[in-house]
Amino acid sequence: MSVYKNILERKSKNELIIAALLDPDSEDIKDLKGRIRLLEGSKVDFLFVGGSTSWKNNFKEFVGEVKANSSLPVVIFPGSADQISSSADALLFPSLVSGQNPRYLIGEHIRAASILKGMDIEVIPTGYLLIDGGRTTTVEFISGTKPIPQDKPEIARSIAYASELLGMKLIYLDSGSGAKKSPCNSLIKSVKDFIDVPLVVGGGIRSPEEIEEKHRAGADLIVIGTALEDDPEFFNK
């Protein structure tokens, strides 16, 4: 079953879906095997790989190492066209629809197109919305995109629905890595009520209670990154 069909099926049953985000700039490649072993025995459904930059590790090598040591589906969440690897099962194709930087709206996609054309990998068009997380995150700095205020759900839901009308198969609300606060429940619910495609939420989520709250608010898939970097045993606890 494809990654997207898996998400749709779980969504139809209102099942919580969890992805662990492994950032090549925050992980040591030699520690991956142990990290992944912990995740394999937890409630994680997908391994997301990606970040706003990829300066520390060779991206293709990193993804290959993740795939070689995991039976979980590996999904690339790329920060640019440089973060592509045929080792993964699927790749999110995120357009930063909440900003007006043409590079992240369509520019990186054009760079990636010729690479993906000849590659046997599932590509999932994704409308990516940056939400204010209480601090300047790497994605905000790199993309030059001003995040959507948490108290402006009408902006987020309109952008999300426009993205769906344009053919996006996922909507991703993200406060960014290391955010002080995650997308609030009222904003999640407002967006959820406006769209039919699956809703992904990430950034600043640091407890099991928050995960449950986000799911009840309407998040179909929840991405955990910083909390996992801070505590590799997060999911087992």
C-alpha atoms as a PDB file:
ATOM      1  CA  MET A   1       0.000   0.000   0.000  1.00  0.00           C
ATOM      2  CA  SER A   2       1.283   3.467  -0.863  1.00  0.00           C
ATOM      3  CA  VAL A   3       2.090   5.920   1.914  1.00  0.00           C
ATOM      4  CA  TYR A   4      -0.735   8.245   0.872  1.00  0.00           C
ATOM      5  CA  LYS A   5      -3.309   5.446   0.684  1.00  0.00           C
ATOM      6  CA  ASN A   6      -2.182   4.343   4.136  1.00  0.00           C
ATOM      7  CA  ILE A   7      -2.786   7.874   5.469  1.00  0.00           C
ATOM      8  CA  LEU A   8      -6.202   8.069   3.793  1.00  0.00           C
ATOM      9  CA  GLU A   9      -7.250   4.716   5.208  1.00  0.00           C
ATOM     10  CA  ARG A  10      -6.158   5.621   8.729  1.00  0.00           C
ATOM     11  CA  LYS A  11      -7.841   9.015   8.401  1.00  0.00           C
ATOM     12  CA  SER A  12     -11.149   7.367   7.432  1.00  0.00           C
ATOM     13  CA  LYS A  13     -11.011   5.408  10.695  1.00  0.00           C
ATOM     14  CA  ASN A  14     -10.018   8.495  12.715  1.00  0.00           C
ATOM     15  CA  GLU A  15      -6.835   6.733  13.804  1.00  0.00           C
ATOM     16  CA  LEU A  16      -3.935   8.761  15.149  1.00  0.00           C
ATOM     17  CA  ILE A  17      -0.913   8.658  12.826  1.00  0.00           C
ATOM     18  CA  ILE A  18       2.524   9.587  14.160  1.00  0.00           C
ATOM     19  CA  ALA A  19       5.725  10.396  12.282  1.00  0.00           C
ATOM     20  CA  ALA A  20       9.160  10.800  13.839  1.00  0.00           C
ATOM     21  CA  LEU A  21      11.225  13.481  12.101  1.00  0.00           C
ATOM     22  CA  LEU A  22      14.947  12.785  11.725  1.00  0.00           C
ATOM     23  CA  ASP A  23      16.878  15.914  10.772  1.00  0.00           C
ATOM     24  CA  PRO A  24      20.268  15.230   9.093  1.00  0.00           C
ATOM     25  CA  ASP A  25      21.626  18.426  10.650  1.00  0.00           C
ATOM     26  CA  SER A  26      20.618  17.366  14.165  1.00  0.00           C
ATOM     27  CA  GLU A  27      21.472  13.664  14.091  1.00  0.00           C
ATOM     28  CA  ASP A  28      24.805  11.866  14.088  1.00  0.00           C
ATOM     29  CA  ILE A  29      24.703   9.244  11.359  1.00  0.00           C
ATOM     30  CA  LYS A  30      26.628   6.757  13.505  1.00  0.00           C
ATOM     31  CA  ASP A  31      23.871   6.907  16.150  1.00  0.00           C
ATOM     32  CA  LEU A  32      21.016   6.244  13.721  1.00  0.00           C
ATOM     33  CA  LYS A  33      20.833   2.492  14.222  1.00  0.00           C
ATOM     34  CA  GLY A  34      20.199   2.874  17.956  1.00  0.00           C
ATOM     35  CA  ARG A  35      17.749   5.732  17.416  1.00  0.00           C
ATOM     36  CA  ILE A  36      15.751   3.751  14.892  1.00  0.00           C
ATOM     37  CA  ARG A  37      15.725   0.650  17.103  1.00  0.00           C
ATOM     38  CA  LEU A  38      13.922   2.667  19.775  1.00  0.00           C
ATOM     39  CA  LEU A  39      11.399   3.981  17.233  1.00  0.00           C
ATOM     40  CA  GLU A  40      10.734   0.523  15.783  1.00  0.00           C
ATOM     41  CA  GLY A  41       9.381  -0.631  19.138  1.00  0.00           C
ATOM     42  CA  SER A  42       7.140   2.411  19.636  1.00  0.00           C
ATOM     43  CA  LYS A  43       3.862   3.660  18.186  1.00  0.00           C
ATOM     44  CA  VAL A  44       5.548   5.527  15.321  1.00  0.00           C
ATOM     45  CA  ASP A  45       3.993   4.885  11.886  1.00  0.00           C
ATOM     46  CA  PHE A  46       6.408   6.753   9.580  1.00  0.00           C
ATOM     47  CA  LEU A  47       9.949   8.056   9.636  1.00  0.00           C
ATOM     48  CA  PHE A  48      10.192  11.527   8.104  1.00  0.00           C
ATOM     49  CA  VAL A  49      13.649  12.675   7.023  1.00  0.00           C
ATOM     50  CA  GLY A  50      14.524  16.264   6.212  1.00  0.00           C
ATOM     51  CA  GLY A  51      15.201  19.771   7.428  1.00  0.00           C
ATOM     52  CA  SER A  52      15.617  23.360   6.325  1.00  0.00           C
ATOM     53  CA  THR A  53      19.337  22.746   5.700  1.00  0.00           C
ATOM     54  CA  SER A  54      21.558  19.724   5.109  1.00  0.00           C
ATOM     55  CA  TRP A  55      25.051  20.847   6.021  1.00  0.00           C
ATOM     56  CA  LYS A  56      26.133  18.234   8.577  1.00  0.00           C
ATOM     57  CA  ASN A  57      25.546  14.938   6.742  1.00  0.00           C
ATOM     58  CA  ASN A  58      25.400  13.742   3.161  1.00  0.00           C
ATOM     59  CA  PHE A  59      21.631  13.635   2.624  1.00  0.00           C
ATOM     60  CA  LYS A  60      21.491  10.583   0.355  1.00  0.00           C
ATOM     61  CA  GLU A  61      23.796   8.644   2.655  1.00  0.00           C
ATOM     62  CA  PHE A  62      21.682   9.648   5.638  1.00  0.00           C
ATOM     63  CA  VAL A  63      18.409   8.498   4.032  1.00  0.00           C
ATOM     64  CA  GLY A  64      20.045   5.255   2.902  1.00  0.00           C
ATOM     65  CA  GLU A  65      21.174   4.556   6.448  1.00  0.00           C
ATOM     66  CA  VAL A  66      17.684   5.228   7.810  1.00  0.00           C
ATOM     67  CA  LYS A  67      16.070   2.914   5.243  1.00  0.00           C
ATOM     68  CA  ALA A  68      18.661   0.168   5.754  1.00  0.00           C
ATOM     69  CA  ASN A  69      17.941   0.034   9.465  1.00  0.00           C
ATOM     70  CA  SER A  70      14.147   0.406   9.497  1.00  0.00           C
ATOM     71  CA  SER A  71      11.091  -1.567   8.459  1.00  0.00           C
ATOM     72  CA  LEU A  72       8.952   1.579   8.813  1.00  0.00           C
ATOM     73  CA  PRO A  73       8.053   3.603   5.686  1.00  0.00           C
ATOM     74  CA  VAL A  74      10.613   6.359   5.126  1.00  0.00           C
ATOM     75  CA  VAL A  75       9.244   9.674   3.841  1.00  0.00           C
ATOM     76  CA  ILE A  76      11.422  12.605   2.787  1.00  0.00           C
ATOM     77  CA  PHE A  77      10.244  16.019   3.996  1.00  0.00           C
ATOM     78  CA  PRO A  78      12.647  18.124   1.918  1.00  0.00           C
ATOM     79  CA  GLY A  79      13.842  21.635   2.565  1.00  0.00           C
ATOM     80  CA  SER A  80      15.092  21.964  -1.007  1.00  0.00           C
ATOM     81  CA  ALA A  81      15.633  20.063  -4.258  1.00  0.00           C
ATOM     82  CA  ASP A  82      18.972  18.908  -2.839  1.00  0.00           C
ATOM     83  CA  GLN A  83      17.140  16.666  -0.378  1.00  0.00           C
ATOM     84  CA  ILE A  84      16.025  13.862  -2.687  1.00  0.00           C
ATOM     85  CA  SER A  85      16.936  10.182  -2.494  1.00  0.00           C
ATOM     86  CA  SER A  86      15.648   7.080  -4.239  1.00  0.00           C
ATOM     87  CA  SER A  87      16.186   5.115  -1.019  1.00  0.00           C
ATOM     88  CA  ALA A  88      12.983   6.538   0.518  1.00  0.00           C
ATOM     89  CA  ASP A  89       9.478   5.139   0.039  1.00  0.00           C
ATOM     90  CA  ALA A  90       7.844   8.524  -0.554  1.00  0.00           C
ATOM     91  CA  LEU A  91       8.583  12.224  -0.764  1.00  0.00           C
ATOM     92  CA  LEU A  92       6.417  15.118   0.338  1.00  0.00           C
ATOM     93  CA  PHE A  93       6.436  17.820  -2.366  1.00  0.00           C
ATOM     94  CA  PRO A  94       5.868  20.853  -0.143  1.00  0.00           C
ATOM     95  CA  SER A  95       4.963  24.259  -1.496  1.00  0.00           C
ATOM     96  CA  LEU A  96       5.317  27.016   1.115  1.00  0.00           C
ATOM     97  CA  VAL A  97       1.879  28.422   0.355  1.00  0.00           C
ATOM     98  CA  SER A  98       1.727  30.710   3.380  1.00  0.00           C
ATOM     99  CA  GLY A  99       4.610  32.798   1.996  1.00  0.00           C
ATOM    100  CA  GLN A 100       5.344  34.703  -1.174  1.00  0.00           C
ATOM    101  CA  ASN A 101       8.882  33.552  -1.836  1.00  0.00           C
ATOM    102  CA  PRO A 102       8.754  32.097  -5.374  1.00  0.00           C
ATOM    103  CA  ARG A 103      11.711  29.836  -4.637  1.00  0.00           C
ATOM    104  CA  TYR A 104       9.697  27.834  -2.106  1.00  0.00           C
ATOM    105  CA  LEU A 105       6.369  28.193  -3.886  1.00  0.00           C
ATOM    106  CA  ILE A 106       7.582  26.676  -7.174  1.00  0.00           C
ATOM    107  CA  GLY A 107      11.316  27.314  -7.742  1.00  0.00           C
ATOM    108  CA  GLU A 108      12.709  24.317  -5.852  1.00  0.00           C
ATOM    109  CA  HIS A 109      10.006  22.139  -7.420  1.00  0.00           C
ATOM    110  CA  ILE A 110      11.240  23.025 -10.901  1.00  0.00           C
ATOM    111  CA  ARG A 111      14.776  22.086  -9.857  1.00  0.00           C
ATOM    112  CA  ALA A 112      13.503  18.756  -8.496  1.00  0.00           C
ATOM    113  CA  ALA A 113      11.246  17.866 -11.424  1.00  0.00           C
ATOM    114  CA  SER A 114      13.842  16.384 -13.772  1.00  0.00           C
ATOM    115  CA  ILE A 115      15.319  14.340 -10.929  1.00  0.00           C
ATOM    116  CA  LEU A 116      11.967  12.943  -9.830  1.00  0.00           C
ATOM    117  CA  LYS A 117      10.812  12.166 -13.384  1.00  0.00           C
ATOM    118  CA  GLY A 118      13.087   9.167 -13.670  1.00  0.00           C
ATOM    119  CA  MET A 119      12.864   8.079 -10.052  1.00  0.00           C
ATOM    120  CA  ASP A 120      10.656   5.316  -8.669  1.00  0.00           C
ATOM    121  CA  ILE A 121       9.347   7.153  -5.627  1.00  0.00           C
ATOM    122  CA  GLU A 122       5.872   8.173  -4.478  1.00  0.00           C
ATOM    123  CA  VAL A 123       5.484  11.964  -4.585  1.00  0.00           C
ATOM    124  CA  ILE A 124       2.794  13.624  -2.425  1.00  0.00           C
ATOM    125  CA  PRO A 125       1.937  17.293  -3.236  1.00  0.00           C
ATOM    126  CA  THR A 126       1.732  19.139   0.075  1.00  0.00           C
ATOM    127  CA  GLY A 127       0.487  22.613   0.980  1.00  0.00           C
ATOM    128  CA  TYR A 128       2.897  23.789   3.682  1.00  0.00           C
ATOM    129  CA  LEU A 129       1.828  26.566   6.074  1.00  0.00           C
ATOM    130  CA  LEU A 130       4.283  28.111   8.523  1.00  0.00           C
ATOM    131  CA  ILE A 131       2.588  28.985  11.831  1.00  0.00           C
ATOM    132  CA  ASP A 132       4.016  31.353  14.427  1.00  0.00           C
ATOM    133  CA  GLY A 133       5.738  29.288  17.106  1.00  0.00           C
ATOM    134  CA  GLY A 134       6.908  32.113  19.361  1.00  0.00           C
ATOM    135  CA  ARG A 135      10.462  32.340  18.023  1.00  0.00           C
ATOM    136  CA  THR A 136      12.334  32.701  14.734  1.00  0.00           C
ATOM    137  CA  THR A 137      12.903  29.189  13.399  1.00  0.00           C
ATOM    138  CA  THR A 138      15.351  28.013  10.750  1.00  0.00           C
ATOM    139  CA  VAL A 139      12.630  27.578   8.131  1.00  0.00           C
ATOM    140  CA  GLU A 140      11.444  31.163   8.696  1.00  0.00           C
ATOM    141  CA  PHE A 141      14.971  32.538   8.422  1.00  0.00           C
ATOM    142  CA  ILE A 142      15.996  30.471   5.383  1.00  0.00           C
ATOM    143  CA  SER A 143      12.749  31.009   3.434  1.00  0.00           C
ATOM    144  CA  GLY A 144      12.245  34.657   4.407  1.00  0.00           C
ATOM    145  CA  THR A 145       8.625  33.774   5.144  1.00  0.00           C
ATOM    146  CA  LYS A 146       6.619  35.503   7.854  1.00  0.00           C
ATOM    147  CA  PRO A 147       4.581  32.922   9.800  1.00  0.00           C
ATOM    148  CA  ILE A 148       0.814  33.072  10.154  1.00  0.00           C
ATOM    149  CA  PRO A 149      -0.253  34.415  13.594  1.00  0.00           C
ATOM    150  CA  GLN A 150      -1.913  31.826  15.805  1.00  0.00           C
ATOM    151  CA  ASP A 151      -4.913  34.108  16.331  1.00  0.00           C
ATOM    152  CA  LYS A 152      -5.619  34.426  12.583  1.00  0.00           C
ATOM    153  CA  PRO A 153      -7.247  31.079  11.755  1.00  0.00           C
ATOM    154  CA  GLU A 154      -9.207  32.658   8.907  1.00  0.00           C
ATOM    155  CA  ILE A 155      -5.918  33.231   7.066  1.00  0.00           C
ATOM    156  CA  ALA A 156      -4.695  29.694   7.619  1.00  0.00           C
ATOM    157  CA  ARG A 157      -7.946  28.013   6.605  1.00  0.00           C
ATOM    158  CA  SER A 158      -8.311  30.105   3.438  1.00  0.00           C
ATOM    159  CA  ILE A 159      -4.760  29.298   2.345  1.00  0.00           C
ATOM    160  CA  ALA A 160      -5.290  25.627   3.214  1.00  0.00           C
ATOM    161  CA  TYR A 161      -8.495  25.365   1.184  1.00  0.00           C
ATOM    162  CA  ALA A 162      -6.946  27.218  -1.753  1.00  0.00           C
ATOM    163  CA  SER A 163      -4.114  24.697  -1.651  1.00  0.00           C
ATOM    164  CA  GLU A 164      -6.586  21.830  -1.754  1.00  0.00           C
ATOM    165  CA  LEU A 165      -8.337  23.424  -4.746  1.00  0.00           C
ATOM    166  CA  LEU A 166      -4.948  23.619  -6.462  1.00  0.00           C
ATOM    167  CA  GLY A 167      -4.558  19.867  -6.031  1.00  0.00           C
ATOM    168  CA  MET A 168      -2.514  19.500  -2.842  1.00  0.00           C
ATOM    169  CA  LYS A 169      -3.064  16.071  -1.258  1.00  0.00           C
ATOM    170  CA  LEU A 170      -1.916  17.050   2.225  1.00  0.00           C
ATOM    171  CA  ILE A 171      -2.056  20.243   4.276  1.00  0.00           C
ATOM    172  CA  TYR A 172       0.835  20.656   6.721  1.00  0.00           C
ATOM    173  CA  LEU A 173       0.655  23.174   9.595  1.00  0.00           C
ATOM    174  CA  ASP A 174       4.111  23.625  11.096  1.00  0.00           C
ATOM    175  CA  SER A 175       5.566  25.904  13.758  1.00  0.00           C
ATOM    176  CA  GLY A 176       9.071  24.807  12.780  1.00  0.00           C
ATOM    177  CA  SER A 177      11.806  22.920  14.575  1.00  0.00           C
ATOM    178  CA  GLY A 178      12.440  24.175  18.101  1.00  0.00           C
ATOM    179  CA  ALA A 179       9.265  26.283  18.247  1.00  0.00           C
ATOM    180  CA  LYS A 180       8.205  27.443  21.695  1.00  0.00           C
ATOM    181  CA  LYS A 181       4.572  26.646  20.957  1.00  0.00           C
ATOM    182  CA  SER A 182       2.815  24.305  18.581  1.00  0.00           C
ATOM    183  CA  PRO A 183      -0.095  25.229  16.259  1.00  0.00           C
ATOM    184  CA  CYS A 184      -2.970  25.868  18.672  1.00  0.00           C
ATOM    185  CA  ASN A 185      -5.980  23.562  18.819  1.00  0.00           C
ATOM    186  CA  SER A 186      -8.471  26.225  17.713  1.00  0.00           C
ATOM    187  CA  LEU A 187      -6.430  26.982  14.585  1.00  0.00           C
ATOM    188  CA  ILE A 188      -6.140  23.256  13.812  1.00  0.00           C
ATOM    189  CA  LYS A 189      -9.892  22.786  14.175  1.00  0.00           C
ATOM    190  CA  SER A 190     -10.636  25.816  11.991  1.00  0.00           C
ATOM    191  CA  VAL A 191      -8.434  24.499   9.175  1.00  0.00           C
ATOM    192  CA  LYS A 192      -9.745  20.951   9.570  1.00  0.00           C
ATOM    193  CA  ASP A 193     -13.339  22.124   9.142  1.00  0.00           C
ATOM    194  CA  PHE A 194     -12.385  23.825   5.862  1.00  0.00           C
ATOM    195  CA  ILE A 195     -10.609  20.960   4.068  1.00  0.00           C
ATOM    196  CA  ASP A 196     -11.177  17.339   3.098  1.00  0.00           C
ATOM    197  CA  VAL A 197      -7.585  16.196   2.562  1.00  0.00           C
ATOM    198  CA  PRO A 198      -5.525  14.852   5.489  1.00  0.00           C
ATOM    199  CA  LEU A 199      -4.100  17.405   7.917  1.00  0.00           C
ATOM    200  CA  VAL A 200      -0.507  17.153   9.177  1.00  0.00           C
ATOM    201  CA  VAL A 201       0.603  19.112  12.259  1.00  0.00           C
ATOM    202  CA  GLY A 202       4.123  19.561  13.617  1.00  0.00           C
ATOM    203  CA  GLY A 203       6.456  21.869  15.492  1.00  0.00           C
ATOM    204  CA  GLY A 204       6.751  22.453  19.216  1.00  0.00           C
ATOM    205  CA  ILE A 205       4.795  19.363  20.331  1.00  0.00           C
ATOM    206  CA  ARG A 206       6.525  18.028  23.419  1.00  0.00           C
ATOM    207  CA  SER A 207       4.180  15.704  25.325  1.00  0.00           C
ATOM    208  CA  PRO A 208       1.825  12.755  24.775  1.00  0.00           C
ATOM    209  CA  GLU A 209      -0.993  14.949  26.083  1.00  0.00           C
ATOM    210  CA  GLU A 210      -0.351  17.497  23.341  1.00  0.00           C
ATOM    211  CA  ILE A 211      -0.357  14.745  20.736  1.00  0.00           C
ATOM    212  CA  GLU A 212      -3.803  13.615  21.882  1.00  0.00           C
ATOM    213  CA  GLU A 213      -5.093  17.201  21.990  1.00  0.00           C
ATOM    214  CA  LYS A 214      -3.916  17.906  18.445  1.00  0.00           C
ATOM    215  CA  HIS A 215      -5.540  14.710  17.211  1.00  0.00           C
ATOM    216  CA  ARG A 216      -8.849  15.571  18.869  1.00  0.00           C
ATOM    217  CA  ALA A 217      -8.654  19.061  17.338  1.00  0.00           C
ATOM    218  CA  GLY A 218      -8.381  17.533  13.852  1.00  0.00           C
ATOM    219  CA  ALA A 219      -4.778  16.575  13.116  1.00  0.00           C
ATOM    220  CA  ASP A 220      -4.646  13.295  11.199  1.00  0.00           C
ATOM    221  CA  LEU A 221      -0.860  12.955  11.244  1.00  0.00           C
ATOM    222  CA  ILE A 222       1.370  14.436  13.930  1.00  0.00           C
ATOM    223  CA  VAL A 223       5.093  14.966  13.414  1.00  0.00           C
ATOM    224  CA  ILE A 224       7.481  14.854  16.382  1.00  0.00           C
ATOM    225  CA  GLY A 225      11.020  16.165  15.944  1.00  0.00           C
ATOM    226  CA  THR A 226      12.532  18.369  18.646  1.00  0.00           C
ATOM    227  CA  ALA A 227      11.032  16.370  21.520  1.00  0.00           C
ATOM    228  CA  LEU A 228      12.655  13.264  20.080  1.00  0.00           C
ATOM    229  CA  GLU A 229      16.013  15.008  19.713  1.00  0.00           C
ATOM    230  CA  ASP A 230      15.796  16.105  23.353  1.00  0.00           C
ATOM    231  CA  ASP A 231      14.760  12.646  24.560  1.00  0.00           C
ATOM    232  CA  PRO A 232      15.291   9.558  22.345  1.00  0.00           C
ATOM    233  CA  GLU A 233      13.030   7.613  24.746  1.00  0.00           C
ATOM    234  CA  PHE A 234      10.121  10.037  24.196  1.00  0.00           C
ATOM    235  CA  PHE A 235       7.790   7.579  22.466  1.00  0.00           C
ATOM    236  CA  ASN A 236       8.547   4.741  24.858  1.00  0.00           C
ATOM    237  CA  LYS A 237       7.613   6.907  27.812  1.00  0.00           C
END
